[in-house]
Amino acid sequence: MPKTTRTARQLQQILIERIEALPGMAGQVTDVHLGGVRWMDGGEGGANWTVPILRNRDLHTPSVARAIRQTQMEFDLEAD
């Protein structure tokens, strides 16, 4: 079943809402806030977008990574 598509701006907003709903993450700045989402070729059945890494990986949390992966499973980036 095809995934619903969203624009990069819409995906960024969805991610920010989900991240800020996580315990302790309200008001925290993440790579999603700083860089949004970008197109990538995920291959057959893979995600077609990613969040660029802009900060030290030590600042990344498993809960944010999980929110990104779950959102990638739900939505594709709309082709320009």
Protein backbone atom coordinates (compact mmCIF):
# COMPACT_ATOMS: atom_id res chain seq x y z
CA MET A 1 0.00 0.00 0.00
CA PRO A 2 1.47 3.37 -0.99
CA LYS A 3 2.31 5.86 1.74
CA THR A 4 0.65 9.23 1.95
CA THR A 5 2.86 12.03 0.64
CA ARG A 6 3.66 15.29 2.38
CA THR A 7 5.77 18.32 1.52
CA ALA A 8 9.10 18.79 3.28
CA ARG A 9 7.58 21.59 5.38
CA GLN A 10 4.64 19.39 6.39
CA LEU A 11 6.94 16.51 7.36
CA GLN A 12 9.10 18.85 9.41
CA GLN A 13 6.02 20.14 11.25
CA ILE A 14 4.74 16.62 11.92
CA LEU A 15 8.14 15.63 13.30
CA ILE A 16 8.43 18.72 15.49
CA GLU A 17 5.00 18.08 16.98
CA ARG A 18 5.86 14.44 17.68
CA ILE A 19 9.29 15.27 19.13
CA GLU A 20 7.98 18.04 21.37
CA ALA A 21 5.33 15.63 22.70
CA LEU A 22 8.08 13.29 23.94
CA PRO A 23 8.89 13.51 27.67
CA GLY A 24 11.54 16.16 28.29
CA MET A 25 11.73 17.29 24.66
CA ALA A 26 9.40 20.32 24.70
CA GLY A 27 11.43 23.35 23.66
CA GLN A 28 14.54 21.30 22.78
CA VAL A 29 16.21 22.11 19.46
CA THR A 30 16.92 19.06 17.29
CA ASP A 31 18.30 18.46 13.80
CA VAL A 32 14.67 18.40 12.65
CA HIS A 33 14.24 21.98 13.87
CA LEU A 34 17.53 23.10 12.30
CA GLY A 35 17.57 21.23 9.00
CA GLY A 36 14.11 19.94 8.25
CA VAL A 37 13.88 16.96 5.91
CA ARG A 38 15.69 16.23 2.65
CA TRP A 39 15.08 13.93 -0.29
CA MET A 40 17.09 10.72 -0.48
CA ASP A 41 16.86 7.67 -2.67
CA GLY A 42 15.78 4.96 -0.28
CA GLY A 43 15.40 2.31 -2.93
CA GLU A 44 12.45 0.01 -3.41
CA GLY A 45 10.17 0.30 -0.38
CA GLY A 46 12.61 2.45 1.61
CA ALA A 47 12.07 5.95 2.94
CA ASN A 48 12.57 8.69 0.35
CA TRP A 49 13.55 11.37 2.87
CA THR A 50 15.89 11.85 5.79
CA VAL A 51 16.81 14.41 8.44
CA PRO A 52 20.31 15.83 7.84
CA ILE A 53 22.75 15.44 10.72
CA LEU A 54 23.80 18.92 11.76
CA ARG A 55 24.89 18.48 15.36
CA ASN A 56 27.09 16.17 17.37
CA ARG A 57 25.67 12.65 17.39
CA ASP A 58 26.11 12.56 21.18
CA LEU A 59 23.16 14.95 21.37
CA HIS A 60 20.85 12.52 19.53
CA THR A 61 18.32 10.54 21.53
CA PRO A 62 16.78 7.14 20.73
CA SER A 63 13.26 8.52 21.20
CA VAL A 64 13.78 11.20 18.52
CA ALA A 65 15.32 8.64 16.14
CA ARG A 66 12.31 6.39 16.75
CA ALA A 67 9.88 9.24 16.00
CA ILE A 68 11.71 9.93 12.72
CA ARG A 69 11.68 6.26 11.69
CA GLN A 70 7.99 5.87 12.52
CA THR A 71 7.17 8.95 10.48
CA GLN A 72 9.28 7.64 7.57
CA MET A 73 7.17 4.48 7.65
CA GLU A 74 3.97 6.54 7.43
CA PHE A 75 4.82 9.25 4.87
CA ASP A 76 6.82 9.79 1.70
CA LEU A 77 8.24 13.13 0.65
CA GLU A 78 6.19 14.67 -2.12
CA ALA A 79 8.08 14.86 -5.41
CA ASP A 80 8.76 18.41 -6.57
